[in-house]
Amino acid sequence: YVSHEVNRRLESTDWNAESAEVYLADPDAYRTPERVSVRTLLIRTEDRSVKEAMLIASDLLLEAKREGADFAQLVSDNTEDEAARANGGLMVDVLRGQTVAPFETAAFALRERGELSQAVVSRFGVHLIQLVNYQASRQRTLDEAREQIIAELRPRRASQYREAIQSGARERKPAGFVEHTDALDGLMLQT
């Protein structure tokens, strides 16, 4: 009965109105975050000084800026990051907070596709970064966010409907009725 009644209430819910109400209450929750896709080349500083790594990175940066240079190939041939070697240093849809601060600052400062950063020093070594794609933060429209909102709202509403049905059943019990609350709650949850 409970399951049937919850489903009936879910089917009769005006999801367009509910989603609009949720969206309008907190539209900033439906912003797409700023993100970048980059290629990165790493010169490690574990076995050399930062100065030596910077010299190597400077030479590679000059090579990368030459006409017709292929940065992905340059990364594959020169990076000291095994994962980057395999995919040309590609990092897709990086959000703020996902990388170390110096790398993040340099990556998010780039705006033009193909633009190269200066050498960036982090705790991992010296990085060269090339912008593949920049996507600014933007406000999603209600229509764009509607499916996400409904998907998040539906289980909450089902739980609220279930609790209301259980509460209503408890309020309508006849006089002298003895309720085994723990057993009833367990039964309600199973159904």
Protein backbone atom coordinates (compact mmCIF):
# COMPACT_ATOMS: atom_id res chain seq x y z
CA TYR A 1 0.00 0.00 0.00
CA VAL A 2 2.72 2.47 1.02
CA SER A 3 4.73 1.86 -2.13
CA HIS A 4 1.63 2.19 -4.32
CA GLU A 5 0.58 5.40 -2.58
CA VAL A 6 4.08 6.93 -2.81
CA ASN A 7 4.21 6.14 -6.55
CA ARG A 8 0.73 7.62 -7.06
CA ARG A 9 1.81 10.85 -5.36
CA LEU A 10 5.06 10.97 -7.33
CA GLU A 11 3.11 10.59 -10.59
CA SER A 12 0.77 13.44 -9.65
CA THR A 13 3.60 15.80 -8.65
CA ASP A 14 4.03 18.85 -10.89
CA TRP A 15 7.76 18.40 -11.46
CA ASN A 16 8.05 21.52 -13.64
CA ALA A 17 6.70 23.70 -10.84
CA GLU A 18 8.74 21.90 -8.17
CA SER A 19 11.97 22.19 -10.18
CA ALA A 20 11.31 25.89 -10.89
CA GLU A 21 10.84 26.53 -7.18
CA VAL A 22 14.12 24.77 -6.31
CA TYR A 23 16.00 26.57 -9.09
CA LEU A 24 14.70 30.01 -8.12
CA ALA A 25 15.54 29.41 -4.45
CA ASP A 26 19.25 28.95 -5.27
CA PRO A 27 20.15 29.62 -8.92
CA ASP A 28 23.88 29.78 -8.11
CA ALA A 29 23.76 26.07 -7.30
CA TYR A 30 23.27 25.55 -11.05
CA ARG A 31 26.30 27.41 -12.35
CA THR A 32 28.78 25.49 -14.44
CA PRO A 33 32.21 25.99 -12.92
CA GLU A 34 35.09 27.53 -14.82
CA ARG A 35 37.21 24.77 -16.36
CA VAL A 36 40.23 24.27 -18.58
CA SER A 37 41.60 21.48 -20.71
CA VAL A 38 45.38 21.67 -21.02
CA ARG A 39 48.45 19.79 -22.12
CA THR A 40 51.27 19.77 -19.61
CA LEU A 41 54.93 18.87 -19.69
CA LEU A 42 56.73 18.17 -16.41
CA ILE A 43 60.44 18.39 -15.63
CA ARG A 44 60.94 16.84 -12.19
CA THR A 45 63.18 18.42 -9.57
CA GLU A 46 63.87 15.32 -7.47
CA ASP A 47 67.27 14.62 -9.09
CA ARG A 48 68.16 18.15 -10.20
CA SER A 49 67.88 21.70 -8.94
CA VAL A 50 64.95 23.93 -9.79
CA LYS A 51 67.39 26.13 -11.72
CA GLU A 52 68.47 23.18 -13.90
CA ALA A 53 64.83 22.19 -14.47
CA MET A 54 63.99 25.80 -15.41
CA LEU A 55 66.79 25.81 -18.01
CA ILE A 56 65.46 22.60 -19.56
CA ALA A 57 61.90 23.98 -19.51
CA SER A 58 63.07 27.27 -21.11
CA ASP A 59 64.67 25.37 -24.00
CA LEU A 60 61.53 23.27 -24.45
CA LEU A 61 59.35 26.40 -24.32
CA LEU A 62 61.39 27.94 -27.15
CA GLU A 63 60.98 24.74 -29.14
CA ALA A 64 57.21 24.70 -28.44
CA LYS A 65 56.86 28.29 -29.73
CA ARG A 66 58.46 27.49 -33.09
CA GLU A 67 56.23 27.61 -36.16
CA GLY A 68 54.53 24.24 -36.70
CA ALA A 69 55.63 22.79 -33.35
CA ASP A 70 53.50 19.93 -32.02
CA PHE A 71 53.25 20.41 -28.26
CA ALA A 72 51.61 17.00 -27.72
CA GLN A 73 54.58 15.32 -29.39
CA LEU A 74 57.00 17.53 -27.45
CA VAL A 75 55.31 16.39 -24.24
CA SER A 76 55.42 12.72 -25.25
CA ASP A 77 59.11 12.99 -26.07
CA ASN A 78 60.23 15.06 -23.05
CA THR A 79 57.89 14.89 -20.06
CA GLU A 80 58.99 13.11 -16.92
CA ASP A 81 55.41 12.24 -16.00
CA GLU A 82 54.63 8.72 -17.23
CA ALA A 83 50.87 9.29 -17.44
CA ALA A 84 51.39 12.46 -19.49
CA ARG A 85 53.79 10.70 -21.84
CA ALA A 86 51.07 8.26 -22.89
CA ASN A 87 48.45 10.88 -23.78
CA GLY A 88 50.52 13.89 -24.78
CA GLY A 89 49.99 15.52 -21.38
CA LEU A 90 46.27 16.02 -21.91
CA MET A 91 44.21 16.96 -18.84
CA VAL A 92 40.53 17.44 -19.66
CA ASP A 93 38.00 19.59 -17.78
CA VAL A 94 40.20 20.60 -14.86
CA LEU A 95 38.30 22.56 -12.20
CA ARG A 96 39.72 24.96 -9.67
CA GLY A 97 41.01 23.11 -6.63
CA GLN A 98 41.97 19.94 -8.52
CA THR A 99 45.63 20.81 -9.02
CA VAL A 100 48.39 22.45 -7.00
CA ALA A 101 48.07 26.23 -6.65
CA PRO A 102 50.94 27.41 -8.93
CA PHE A 103 49.78 25.07 -11.72
CA GLU A 104 46.16 26.16 -11.28
CA THR A 105 47.03 29.86 -11.37
CA ALA A 106 48.98 29.45 -14.61
CA ALA A 107 46.45 27.16 -16.28
CA PHE A 108 43.45 29.39 -15.51
CA ALA A 109 45.32 32.52 -16.66
CA LEU A 110 45.47 31.15 -20.22
CA ARG A 111 42.63 32.17 -22.55
CA GLU A 112 43.63 31.57 -26.18
CA ARG A 113 43.64 28.04 -27.57
CA GLY A 114 47.24 26.95 -28.05
CA GLU A 115 48.58 29.63 -25.67
CA LEU A 116 51.60 28.51 -23.63
CA SER A 117 52.41 29.42 -20.06
CA GLN A 118 55.83 30.41 -18.83
CA ALA A 119 57.62 27.74 -16.80
CA VAL A 120 55.71 27.10 -13.56
CA VAL A 121 57.37 25.71 -10.44
CA SER A 122 55.36 23.45 -8.13
CA ARG A 123 56.23 20.79 -5.58
CA PHE A 124 56.26 18.25 -8.46
CA GLY A 125 58.79 20.14 -10.57
CA VAL A 126 58.65 22.61 -13.43
CA HIS A 127 55.63 22.61 -15.73
CA LEU A 128 54.93 23.97 -19.19
CA ILE A 129 51.21 24.29 -19.88
CA GLN A 130 49.38 24.71 -23.18
CA LEU A 131 45.70 25.64 -23.25
CA VAL A 132 43.52 23.26 -25.24
CA ASN A 133 40.17 24.73 -24.19
CA TYR A 134 38.89 27.33 -21.72
CA GLN A 135 35.28 27.35 -20.55
CA ALA A 136 34.15 30.25 -18.38
CA SER A 137 31.71 29.74 -15.55
CA ARG A 138 28.14 30.38 -16.62
CA GLN A 139 24.65 30.26 -15.20
CA ARG A 140 22.67 27.28 -16.50
CA THR A 141 19.07 28.02 -17.42
CA LEU A 142 16.19 26.31 -15.66
CA ASP A 143 15.58 24.21 -18.78
CA GLU A 144 19.22 23.06 -18.74
CA ALA A 145 19.12 22.22 -15.02
CA ARG A 146 15.59 20.77 -14.86
CA GLU A 147 16.51 17.08 -15.32
CA GLN A 148 19.25 17.30 -12.68
CA ILE A 149 16.92 19.05 -10.23
CA ILE A 150 14.15 16.48 -10.72
CA ALA A 151 16.61 13.59 -10.34
CA GLU A 152 17.78 15.06 -7.02
CA LEU A 153 14.28 16.03 -5.88
CA ARG A 154 12.43 12.79 -6.70
CA PRO A 155 13.99 10.60 -3.94
CA ARG A 156 13.52 13.37 -1.37
CA ARG A 157 9.85 13.74 -2.29
CA ALA A 158 9.37 9.95 -2.18
CA SER A 159 10.82 9.91 1.34
CA GLN A 160 8.59 12.83 2.40
CA TYR A 161 5.48 11.14 0.95
CA ARG A 162 6.39 7.86 2.68
CA GLU A 163 6.84 9.61 6.03
CA ALA A 164 3.52 11.46 5.61
CA ILE A 165 1.68 8.20 4.87
CA GLN A 166 3.24 6.49 7.89
CA SER A 167 2.49 9.45 10.13
CA GLY A 168 -1.11 9.58 8.88
CA ALA A 169 -1.58 5.86 9.55
CA ARG A 170 -0.36 6.29 13.12
CA GLU A 171 -2.73 9.19 13.74
CA ARG A 172 -5.78 7.21 12.53
CA LYS A 173 -5.28 4.14 14.76
CA PRO A 174 -8.36 3.14 16.76
CA ALA A 175 -8.59 3.50 20.54
CA GLY A 176 -6.98 0.66 22.41
CA PHE A 177 -4.71 -0.18 19.46
CA VAL A 178 -1.24 -1.25 20.61
CA GLU A 179 1.49 -0.26 18.17
CA HIS A 180 4.79 -2.07 17.96
CA THR A 181 6.66 0.93 16.60
CA ASP A 182 9.96 -0.82 15.85
CA ALA A 183 8.25 -3.66 14.02
CA LEU A 184 5.99 -1.24 12.11
CA ASP A 185 8.92 0.98 11.10
CA GLY A 186 10.81 -2.07 9.89
CA LEU A 187 7.82 -3.26 7.90
CA MET A 188 7.27 0.20 6.39
CA LEU A 189 10.92 0.40 5.32
CA GLN A 190 10.78 -3.04 3.73
CA THR A 191 7.71 -2.13 1.69
